Amino acid sequence: MEIVKKAQAGSFESSDVLVLIEPVEKGTGRKIEVDSAVQRQYGDQILTIIQESLDEYEVNDIHLVFNDKGAIDTVIKARLETAIKRASNAQKGTMY
């Protein structure tokens, strides 16, 4: 999926995650910034989930900011999917 605009999903609430995604110049690759309340315990697992979700949707050339407040895996995946679909115009009725 090609990311064509900025989009976000989620919130700063406890047990949630805020995902911000935006396109970057073609050939740049993925720039991923992770800030998590549980980074020490689950940082590697969170990064794996992010990479697998991006791979599943064939998303490249993006800047992704991931601000986690202790979200479980299914919430992380849902927020990533929503942000990706909003940013690729696959989902209508969004904030951006």
PDB file of N, CA and C in Angstrom:
ATOM      1  N   MET A   1       0.842  -1.178   0.000  1.00  0.00           N
ATOM      2  CA  MET A   1       0.000   0.000   0.000  1.00  0.00           C
ATOM      3  C   MET A   1       0.884   1.238   0.000  1.00  0.00           C
ATOM      4  N   GLU A   2       0.533   2.187  -0.799  1.00  0.00           N
ATOM      5  CA  GLU A   2       1.303   3.425  -0.837  1.00  0.00           C
ATOM      6  C   GLU A   2       0.700   4.435   0.138  1.00  0.00           C
ATOM      7  N   ILE A   3       1.555   4.977   0.981  1.00  0.00           N
ATOM      8  CA  ILE A   3       1.138   6.008   1.924  1.00  0.00           C
ATOM      9  C   ILE A   3       1.192   7.341   1.183  1.00  0.00           C
ATOM     10  N   VAL A   4       0.050   8.032   1.120  1.00  0.00           N
ATOM     11  CA  VAL A   4      -0.035   9.255   0.327  1.00  0.00           C
ATOM     12  C   VAL A   4      -0.253  10.514   1.153  1.00  0.00           C
ATOM     13  N   LYS A   5      -0.587  10.345   2.442  1.00  0.00           N
ATOM     14  CA  LYS A   5      -0.823  11.516   3.283  1.00  0.00           C
ATOM     15  C   LYS A   5      -0.591  11.157   4.748  1.00  0.00           C
ATOM     16  N   LYS A   6      -0.535  12.178   5.592  1.00  0.00           N
ATOM     17  CA  LYS A   6      -0.404  11.972   7.033  1.00  0.00           C
ATOM     18  C   LYS A   6      -1.697  11.393   7.583  1.00  0.00           C
ATOM     19  N   ALA A   7      -1.557  10.553   8.597  1.00  0.00           N
ATOM     20  CA  ALA A   7      -2.740  10.016   9.277  1.00  0.00           C
ATOM     21  C   ALA A   7      -2.355   9.597  10.685  1.00  0.00           C
ATOM     22  N   GLN A   8      -3.370   9.438  11.513  1.00  0.00           N
ATOM     23  CA  GLN A   8      -3.140   8.976  12.877  1.00  0.00           C
ATOM     24  C   GLN A   8      -4.256   8.045  13.304  1.00  0.00           C
ATOM     25  N   ALA A   9      -3.954   7.277  14.350  1.00  0.00           N
ATOM     26  CA  ALA A   9      -4.948   6.399  14.967  1.00  0.00           C
ATOM     27  C   ALA A   9      -4.562   6.219  16.422  1.00  0.00           C
ATOM     28  N   GLY A  10      -5.560   6.079  17.275  1.00  0.00           N
ATOM     29  CA  GLY A  10      -5.309   5.840  18.683  1.00  0.00           C
ATOM     30  C   GLY A  10      -5.348   7.099  19.515  1.00  0.00           C
ATOM     31  N   SER A  11      -4.827   6.979  20.756  1.00  0.00           N
ATOM     32  CA  SER A  11      -4.851   8.103  21.689  1.00  0.00           C
ATOM     33  C   SER A  11      -3.698   7.987  22.678  1.00  0.00           C
ATOM     34  N   PHE A  12      -3.565   8.999  23.534  1.00  0.00           N
ATOM     35  CA  PHE A  12      -2.553   8.998  24.589  1.00  0.00           C
ATOM     36  C   PHE A  12      -3.073   8.369  25.877  1.00  0.00           C
ATOM     37  N   GLU A  13      -4.250   7.780  25.840  1.00  0.00           N
ATOM     38  CA  GLU A  13      -4.852   7.200  27.042  1.00  0.00           C
ATOM     39  C   GLU A  13      -4.077   5.960  27.495  1.00  0.00           C
ATOM     40  N   SER A  14      -4.217   5.628  28.766  1.00  0.00           N
ATOM     41  CA  SER A  14      -3.600   4.428  29.314  1.00  0.00           C
ATOM     42  C   SER A  14      -4.105   3.194  28.565  1.00  0.00           C
ATOM     43  N   SER A  15      -3.225   2.245  28.338  1.00  0.00           N
ATOM     44  CA  SER A  15      -3.526   0.990  27.628  1.00  0.00           C
ATOM     45  C   SER A  15      -3.880   1.203  26.164  1.00  0.00           C
ATOM     46  N   ASP A  16      -3.449   2.318  25.597  1.00  0.00           N
ATOM     47  CA  ASP A  16      -3.673   2.601  24.176  1.00  0.00           C
ATOM     48  C   ASP A  16      -2.348   3.028  23.556  1.00  0.00           C
ATOM     49  N   VAL A  17      -2.372   3.294  22.283  1.00  0.00           N
ATOM     50  CA  VAL A  17      -1.189   3.746  21.562  1.00  0.00           C
ATOM     51  C   VAL A  17      -1.622   4.784  20.538  1.00  0.00           C
ATOM     52  N   LEU A  18      -0.799   5.792  20.336  1.00  0.00           N
ATOM     53  CA  LEU A  18      -1.039   6.786  19.295  1.00  0.00           C
ATOM     54  C   LEU A  18      -0.047   6.516  18.176  1.00  0.00           C
ATOM     55  N   VAL A  19      -0.564   6.265  16.991  1.00  0.00           N
ATOM     56  CA  VAL A  19       0.261   5.992  15.819  1.00  0.00           C
ATOM     57  C   VAL A  19       0.107   7.150  14.842  1.00  0.00           C
ATOM     58  N   LEU A  20       1.224   7.750  14.464  1.00  0.00           N
ATOM     59  CA  LEU A  20       1.251   8.803  13.450  1.00  0.00           C
ATOM     60  C   LEU A  20       2.089   8.285  12.292  1.00  0.00           C
ATOM     61  N   ILE A  21       1.581   8.424  11.071  1.00  0.00           N
ATOM     62  CA  ILE A  21       2.301   7.939   9.903  1.00  0.00           C
ATOM     63  C   ILE A  21       2.245   8.999   8.814  1.00  0.00           C
ATOM     64  N   GLU A  22       3.357   9.141   8.082  1.00  0.00           N
ATOM     65  CA  GLU A  22       3.391  10.088   6.971  1.00  0.00           C
ATOM     66  C   GLU A  22       4.347   9.580   5.900  1.00  0.00           C
ATOM     67  N   PRO A  23       4.082   9.954   4.656  1.00  0.00           N
ATOM     68  CA  PRO A  23       4.968   9.520   3.579  1.00  0.00           C
ATOM     69  C   PRO A  23       6.276  10.299   3.600  1.00  0.00           C
ATOM     70  N   VAL A  24       7.330   9.662   3.117  1.00  0.00           N
ATOM     71  CA  VAL A  24       8.613  10.326   2.912  1.00  0.00           C
ATOM     72  C   VAL A  24       9.038  10.062   1.468  1.00  0.00           C
ATOM     73  N   GLU A  25      10.108  10.676   1.062  1.00  0.00           N
ATOM     74  CA  GLU A  25      10.594  10.546  -0.312  1.00  0.00           C
ATOM     75  C   GLU A  25      10.832   9.078  -0.675  1.00  0.00           C
ATOM     76  N   LYS A  26      10.450   8.707  -1.890  1.00  0.00           N
ATOM     77  CA  LYS A  26      10.628   7.334  -2.368  1.00  0.00           C
ATOM     78  C   LYS A  26      12.094   6.921  -2.251  1.00  0.00           C
ATOM     79  N   GLY A  27      12.293   5.692  -1.812  1.00  0.00           N
ATOM     80  CA  GLY A  27      13.636   5.159  -1.650  1.00  0.00           C
ATOM     81  C   GLY A  27      14.259   5.437  -0.292  1.00  0.00           C
ATOM     82  N   THR A  28      13.555   6.182   0.549  1.00  0.00           N
ATOM     83  CA  THR A  28      14.071   6.538   1.875  1.00  0.00           C
ATOM     84  C   THR A  28      13.984   5.368   2.845  1.00  0.00           C
ATOM     85  N   GLY A  29      12.961   4.538   2.696  1.00  0.00           N
ATOM     86  CA  GLY A  29      12.760   3.419   3.607  1.00  0.00           C
ATOM     87  C   GLY A  29      11.848   3.785   4.756  1.00  0.00           C
ATOM     88  N   ARG A  30      11.958   3.014   5.809  1.00  0.00           N
ATOM     89  CA  ARG A  30      11.105   3.204   6.985  1.00  0.00           C
ATOM     90  C   ARG A  30      11.889   3.873   8.111  1.00  0.00           C
ATOM     91  N   LYS A  31      11.352   4.966   8.606  1.00  0.00           N
ATOM     92  CA  LYS A  31      11.900   5.587   9.810  1.00  0.00           C
ATOM     93  C   LYS A  31      10.854   5.386  10.897  1.00  0.00           C
ATOM     94  N   ILE A  32      11.210   4.627  11.917  1.00  0.00           N
ATOM     95  CA  ILE A  32      10.264   4.276  12.975  1.00  0.00           C
ATOM     96  C   ILE A  32      10.781   4.795  14.308  1.00  0.00           C
ATOM     97  N   GLU A  33       9.955   5.587  14.983  1.00  0.00           N
ATOM     98  CA  GLU A  33      10.278   6.100  16.314  1.00  0.00           C
ATOM     99  C   GLU A  33       9.305   5.476  17.306  1.00  0.00           C
ATOM    100  N   VAL A  34       9.844   4.781  18.298  1.00  0.00           N
ATOM    101  CA  VAL A  34       9.008   4.117  19.299  1.00  0.00           C
ATOM    102  C   VAL A  34       9.276   4.722  20.668  1.00  0.00           C
ATOM    103  N   ASP A  35       8.220   5.148  21.321  1.00  0.00           N
ATOM    104  CA  ASP A  35       8.276   5.603  22.709  1.00  0.00           C
ATOM    105  C   ASP A  35       7.207   4.812  23.449  1.00  0.00           C
ATOM    106  N   SER A  36       7.642   4.000  24.412  1.00  0.00           N
ATOM    107  CA  SER A  36       6.691   3.123  25.092  1.00  0.00           C
ATOM    108  C   SER A  36       6.914   3.117  26.596  1.00  0.00           C
ATOM    109  N   ALA A  37       5.813   3.086  27.328  1.00  0.00           N
ATOM    110  CA  ALA A  37       5.872   2.981  28.783  1.00  0.00           C
ATOM    111  C   ALA A  37       6.417   1.619  29.209  1.00  0.00           C
ATOM    112  N   VAL A  38       6.368   0.651  28.318  1.00  0.00           N
ATOM    113  CA  VAL A  38       6.839  -0.702  28.626  1.00  0.00           C
ATOM    114  C   VAL A  38       7.994  -1.117  27.708  1.00  0.00           C
ATOM    115  N   GLN A  39       8.782  -0.157  27.285  1.00  0.00           N
ATOM    116  CA  GLN A  39       9.869  -0.401  26.330  1.00  0.00           C
ATOM    117  C   GLN A  39      10.874  -1.436  26.848  1.00  0.00           C
ATOM    118  N   ARG A  40      11.234  -1.351  28.103  1.00  0.00           N
ATOM    119  CA  ARG A  40      12.227  -2.284  28.644  1.00  0.00           C
ATOM    120  C   ARG A  40      11.762  -3.733  28.553  1.00  0.00           C
ATOM    121  N   GLN A  41      10.512  -3.976  28.899  1.00  0.00           N
ATOM    122  CA  GLN A  41      10.008  -5.345  28.904  1.00  0.00           C
ATOM    123  C   GLN A  41       9.608  -5.829  27.517  1.00  0.00           C
ATOM    124  N   TYR A  42       8.994  -4.964  26.711  1.00  0.00           N
ATOM    125  CA  TYR A  42       8.366  -5.404  25.468  1.00  0.00           C
ATOM    126  C   TYR A  42       8.834  -4.666  24.215  1.00  0.00           C
ATOM    127  N   GLY A  43       9.907  -3.914  24.318  1.00  0.00           N
ATOM    128  CA  GLY A  43      10.371  -3.114  23.186  1.00  0.00           C
ATOM    129  C   GLY A  43      10.619  -3.914  21.917  1.00  0.00           C
ATOM    130  N   ASP A  44      11.300  -5.059  22.046  1.00  0.00           N
ATOM    131  CA  ASP A  44      11.582  -5.891  20.870  1.00  0.00           C
ATOM    132  C   ASP A  44      10.301  -6.451  20.266  1.00  0.00           C
ATOM    133  N   GLN A  45       9.385  -6.878  21.118  1.00  0.00           N
ATOM    134  CA  GLN A  45       8.109  -7.426  20.644  1.00  0.00           C
ATOM    135  C   GLN A  45       7.290  -6.352  19.928  1.00  0.00           C
ATOM    136  N   ILE A  46       7.281  -5.147  20.470  1.00  0.00           N
ATOM    137  CA  ILE A  46       6.549  -4.040  19.846  1.00  0.00           C
ATOM    138  C   ILE A  46       7.116  -3.749  18.464  1.00  0.00           C
ATOM    139  N   LEU A  47       8.437  -3.675  18.360  1.00  0.00           N
ATOM    140  CA  LEU A  47       9.068  -3.395  17.069  1.00  0.00           C
ATOM    141  C   LEU A  47       8.777  -4.507  16.063  1.00  0.00           C
ATOM    142  N   THR A  48       8.758  -5.746  16.518  1.00  0.00           N
ATOM    143  CA  THR A  48       8.425  -6.873  15.640  1.00  0.00           C
ATOM    144  C   THR A  48       7.001  -6.746  15.113  1.00  0.00           C
ATOM    145  N   ILE A  49       6.063  -6.399  15.982  1.00  0.00           N
ATOM    146  CA  ILE A  49       4.666  -6.224  15.561  1.00  0.00           C
ATOM    147  C   ILE A  49       4.558  -5.104  14.530  1.00  0.00           C
ATOM    148  N   ILE A  50       5.252  -4.001  14.769  1.00  0.00           N
ATOM    149  CA  ILE A  50       5.229  -2.877  13.827  1.00  0.00           C
ATOM    150  C   ILE A  50       5.764  -3.321  12.473  1.00  0.00           C
ATOM    151  N   GLN A  51       6.938  -3.954  12.457  1.00  0.00           N
ATOM    152  CA  GLN A  51       7.557  -4.377  11.192  1.00  0.00           C
ATOM    153  C   GLN A  51       6.676  -5.388  10.455  1.00  0.00           C
ATOM    154  N   GLU A  52       6.106  -6.338  11.185  1.00  0.00           N
ATOM    155  CA  GLU A  52       5.240  -7.342  10.550  1.00  0.00           C
ATOM    156  C   GLU A  52       3.989  -6.703   9.953  1.00  0.00           C
ATOM    157  N   SER A  53       3.422  -5.734  10.642  1.00  0.00           N
ATOM    158  CA  SER A  53       2.233  -5.045  10.120  1.00  0.00           C
ATOM    159  C   SER A  53       2.579  -4.254   8.865  1.00  0.00           C
ATOM    160  N   LEU A  54       3.708  -3.559   8.886  1.00  0.00           N
ATOM    161  CA  LEU A  54       4.132  -2.805   7.703  1.00  0.00           C
ATOM    162  C   LEU A  54       4.425  -3.752   6.542  1.00  0.00           C
ATOM    163  N   ASP A  55       5.047  -4.889   6.825  1.00  0.00           N
ATOM    164  CA  ASP A  55       5.315  -5.885   5.786  1.00  0.00           C
ATOM    165  C   ASP A  55       4.017  -6.443   5.209  1.00  0.00           C
ATOM    166  N   GLU A  56       3.053  -6.730   6.081  1.00  0.00           N
ATOM    167  CA  GLU A  56       1.770  -7.293   5.641  1.00  0.00           C
ATOM    168  C   GLU A  56       1.082  -6.387   4.625  1.00  0.00           C
ATOM    169  N   TYR A  57       1.156  -5.081   4.847  1.00  0.00           N
ATOM    170  CA  TYR A  57       0.517  -4.119   3.939  1.00  0.00           C
ATOM    171  C   TYR A  57       1.487  -3.566   2.898  1.00  0.00           C
ATOM    172  N   GLU A  58       2.698  -4.113   2.862  1.00  0.00           N
ATOM    173  CA  GLU A  58       3.729  -3.700   1.902  1.00  0.00           C
ATOM    174  C   GLU A  58       3.953  -2.193   1.942  1.00  0.00           C
ATOM    175  N   VAL A  59       4.145  -1.678   3.148  1.00  0.00           N
ATOM    176  CA  VAL A  59       4.336  -0.245   3.361  1.00  0.00           C
ATOM    177  C   VAL A  59       5.825   0.056   3.504  1.00  0.00           C
ATOM    178  N   ASN A  60       6.310   0.967   2.674  1.00  0.00           N
ATOM    179  CA  ASN A  60       7.694   1.431   2.726  1.00  0.00           C
ATOM    180  C   ASN A  60       7.700   2.943   2.579  1.00  0.00           C
ATOM    181  N   ASP A  61       8.866   3.527   2.737  1.00  0.00           N
ATOM    182  CA  ASP A  61       9.038   4.973   2.552  1.00  0.00           C
ATOM    183  C   ASP A  61       8.068   5.772   3.420  1.00  0.00           C
ATOM    184  N   ILE A  62       8.172   5.544   4.734  1.00  0.00           N
ATOM    185  CA  ILE A  62       7.299   6.230   5.688  1.00  0.00           C
ATOM    186  C   ILE A  62       8.086   6.681   6.908  1.00  0.00           C
ATOM    187  N   HIS A  63       7.517   7.648   7.597  1.00  0.00           N
ATOM    188  CA  HIS A  63       7.964   8.042   8.937  1.00  0.00           C
ATOM    189  C   HIS A  63       6.821   7.668   9.863  1.00  0.00           C
ATOM    190  N   LEU A  64       7.101   6.815  10.840  1.00  0.00           N
ATOM    191  CA  LEU A  64       6.081   6.342  11.761  1.00  0.00           C
ATOM    192  C   LEU A  64       6.493   6.701  13.190  1.00  0.00           C
ATOM    193  N   VAL A  65       5.597   7.373  13.898  1.00  0.00           N
ATOM    194  CA  VAL A  65       5.809   7.696  15.307  1.00  0.00           C
ATOM    195  C   VAL A  65       4.816   6.871  16.107  1.00  0.00           C
ATOM    196  N   PHE A  66       5.336   6.123  17.062  1.00  0.00           N
ATOM    197  CA  PHE A  66       4.554   5.163  17.835  1.00  0.00           C
ATOM    198  C   PHE A  66       4.707   5.520  19.304  1.00  0.00           C
ATOM    199  N   ASN A  67       3.649   6.072  19.912  1.00  0.00           N
ATOM    200  CA  ASN A  67       3.685   6.499  21.309  1.00  0.00           C
ATOM    201  C   ASN A  67       2.749   5.600  22.112  1.00  0.00           C
ATOM    202  N   ASP A  68       3.340   4.655  22.823  1.00  0.00           N
ATOM    203  CA  ASP A  68       2.591   3.581  23.480  1.00  0.00           C
ATOM    204  C   ASP A  68       2.429   3.831  24.974  1.00  0.00           C
ATOM    205  N   LYS A  69       1.235   3.586  25.448  1.00  0.00           N
ATOM    206  CA  LYS A  69       0.935   3.706  26.878  1.00  0.00           C
ATOM    207  C   LYS A  69       0.517   2.353  27.458  1.00  0.00           C
ATOM    208  N   GLY A  70       1.139   1.275  26.970  1.00  0.00           N
ATOM    209  CA  GLY A  70       0.867  -0.056  27.505  1.00  0.00           C
ATOM    210  C   GLY A  70      -0.201  -0.832  26.769  1.00  0.00           C
ATOM    211  N   ALA A  71      -0.359  -0.573  25.482  1.00  0.00           N
ATOM    212  CA  ALA A  71      -1.370  -1.279  24.685  1.00  0.00           C
ATOM    213  C   ALA A  71      -0.984  -2.745  24.494  1.00  0.00           C
ATOM    214  N   ILE A  72      -2.001  -3.615  24.446  1.00  0.00           N
ATOM    215  CA  ILE A  72      -1.752  -5.028  24.169  1.00  0.00           C
ATOM    216  C   ILE A  72      -1.592  -5.223  22.658  1.00  0.00           C
ATOM    217  N   ASP A  73      -1.084  -6.383  22.281  1.00  0.00           N
ATOM    218  CA  ASP A  73      -0.751  -6.653  20.879  1.00  0.00           C
ATOM    219  C   ASP A  73      -1.900  -6.397  19.911  1.00  0.00           C
ATOM    220  N   THR A  74      -3.096  -6.843  20.257  1.00  0.00           N
ATOM    221  CA  THR A  74      -4.229  -6.677  19.339  1.00  0.00           C
ATOM    222  C   THR A  74      -4.582  -5.207  19.138  1.00  0.00           C
ATOM    223  N   VAL A  75      -4.430  -4.405  20.169  1.00  0.00           N
ATOM    224  CA  VAL A  75      -4.678  -2.963  20.044  1.00  0.00           C
ATOM    225  C   VAL A  75      -3.610  -2.339  19.154  1.00  0.00           C
ATOM    226  N   ILE A  76      -2.360  -2.733  19.352  1.00  0.00           N
ATOM    227  CA  ILE A  76      -1.263  -2.217  18.525  1.00  0.00           C
ATOM    228  C   ILE A  76      -1.539  -2.507  17.053  1.00  0.00           C
ATOM    229  N   LYS A  77      -1.884  -3.756  16.750  1.00  0.00           N
ATOM    230  CA  LYS A  77      -2.157  -4.144  15.361  1.00  0.00           C
ATOM    231  C   LYS A  77      -3.333  -3.362  14.779  1.00  0.00           C
ATOM    232  N   ALA A  78      -4.386  -3.189  15.556  1.00  0.00           N
ATOM    233  CA  ALA A  78      -5.567  -2.460  15.078  1.00  0.00           C
ATOM    234  C   ALA A  78      -5.240  -0.995  14.804  1.00  0.00           C
ATOM    235  N   ARG A  79      -4.485  -0.363  15.687  1.00  0.00           N
ATOM    236  CA  ARG A  79      -4.113   1.047  15.490  1.00  0.00           C
ATOM    237  C   ARG A  79      -3.207   1.207  14.278  1.00  0.00           C
ATOM    238  N   LEU A  80      -2.271   0.293  14.099  1.00  0.00           N
ATOM    239  CA  LEU A  80      -1.399   0.353  12.924  1.00  0.00           C
ATOM    240  C   LEU A  80      -2.204   0.178  11.639  1.00  0.00           C
ATOM    241  N   GLU A  81      -3.091  -0.804  11.616  1.00  0.00           N
ATOM    242  CA  GLU A  81      -3.921  -1.046  10.432  1.00  0.00           C
ATOM    243  C   GLU A  81      -4.762   0.182  10.094  1.00  0.00           C
ATOM    244  N   THR A  82      -5.368   0.785  11.097  1.00  0.00           N
ATOM    245  CA  THR A  82      -6.205   1.963  10.869  1.00  0.00           C
ATOM    246  C   THR A  82      -5.383   3.122  10.325  1.00  0.00           C
ATOM    247  N   ALA A  83      -4.230   3.384  10.924  1.00  0.00           N
ATOM    248  CA  ALA A  83      -3.377   4.482  10.455  1.00  0.00           C
ATOM    249  C   ALA A  83      -2.916   4.245   9.019  1.00  0.00           C
ATOM    250  N   ILE A  84      -2.531   3.015   8.710  1.00  0.00           N
ATOM    251  CA  ILE A  84      -2.080   2.683   7.358  1.00  0.00           C
ATOM    252  C   ILE A  84      -3.207   2.892   6.351  1.00  0.00           C
ATOM    253  N   LYS A  85      -4.388   2.402   6.662  1.00  0.00           N
ATOM    254  CA  LYS A  85      -5.515   2.538   5.732  1.00  0.00           C
ATOM    255  C   LYS A  85      -5.928   3.995   5.559  1.00  0.00           C
ATOM    256  N   ARG A  86      -5.903   4.764   6.628  1.00  0.00           N
ATOM    257  CA  ARG A  86      -6.225   6.189   6.512  1.00  0.00           C
ATOM    258  C   ARG A  86      -5.195   6.910   5.651  1.00  0.00           C
ATOM    259  N   ALA A  87      -3.930   6.596   5.848  1.00  0.00           N
ATOM    260  CA  ALA A  87      -2.857   7.282   5.127  1.00  0.00           C
ATOM    261  C   ALA A  87      -2.783   6.877   3.657  1.00  0.00           C
ATOM    262  N   SER A  88      -3.385   5.755   3.317  1.00  0.00           N
ATOM    263  CA  SER A  88      -3.350   5.292   1.927  1.00  0.00           C
ATOM    264  C   SER A  88      -4.662   5.552   1.199  1.00  0.00           C
ATOM    265  N   ASN A  89      -5.577   6.253   1.865  1.00  0.00           N
ATOM    266  CA  ASN A  89      -6.910   6.535   1.326  1.00  0.00           C
ATOM    267  C   ASN A  89      -7.760   5.283   1.148  1.00  0.00           C
ATOM    268  N   ALA A  90      -7.385   4.189   1.812  1.00  0.00           N
ATOM    269  CA  ALA A  90      -8.198   2.976   1.747  1.00  0.00           C
ATOM    270  C   ALA A  90      -9.389   3.064   2.691  1.00  0.00           C
ATOM    271  N   GLN A  91      -9.343   4.000   3.626  1.00  0.00           N
ATOM    272  CA  GLN A  91     -10.427   4.181   4.596  1.00  0.00           C
ATOM    273  C   GLN A  91     -10.843   5.645   4.579  1.00  0.00           C
ATOM    274  N   LYS A  92     -12.089   5.904   4.375  1.00  0.00           N
ATOM    275  CA  LYS A  92     -12.602   7.276   4.297  1.00  0.00           C
ATOM    276  C   LYS A  92     -13.126   7.740   5.653  1.00  0.00           C
ATOM    277  N   GLY A  93     -13.396   9.049   5.754  1.00  0.00           N
ATOM    278  CA  GLY A  93     -13.978   9.604   6.967  1.00  0.00           C
ATOM    279  C   GLY A  93     -12.988   9.717   8.101  1.00  0.00           C
ATOM    280  N   THR A  94     -11.796  10.220   7.817  1.00  0.00           N
ATOM    281  CA  THR A  94     -10.753  10.303   8.828  1.00  0.00           C
ATOM    282  C   THR A  94     -10.417  11.742   9.160  1.00  0.00           C
ATOM    283  N   MET A  95      -9.585  11.904  10.169  1.00  0.00           N
ATOM    284  CA  MET A  95      -9.201  13.243  10.612  1.00  0.00           C
ATOM    285  C   MET A  95      -8.301  13.953   9.608  1.00  0.00           C
ATOM    286  N   TYR A  96      -7.485  13.226   8.881  1.00  0.00           N
ATOM    287  CA  TYR A  96      -6.529  13.841   7.951  1.00  0.00           C
ATOM    288  C   TYR A  96      -6.841  13.463   6.531  1.00  0.00           C
TER     289      TYR A  96
END
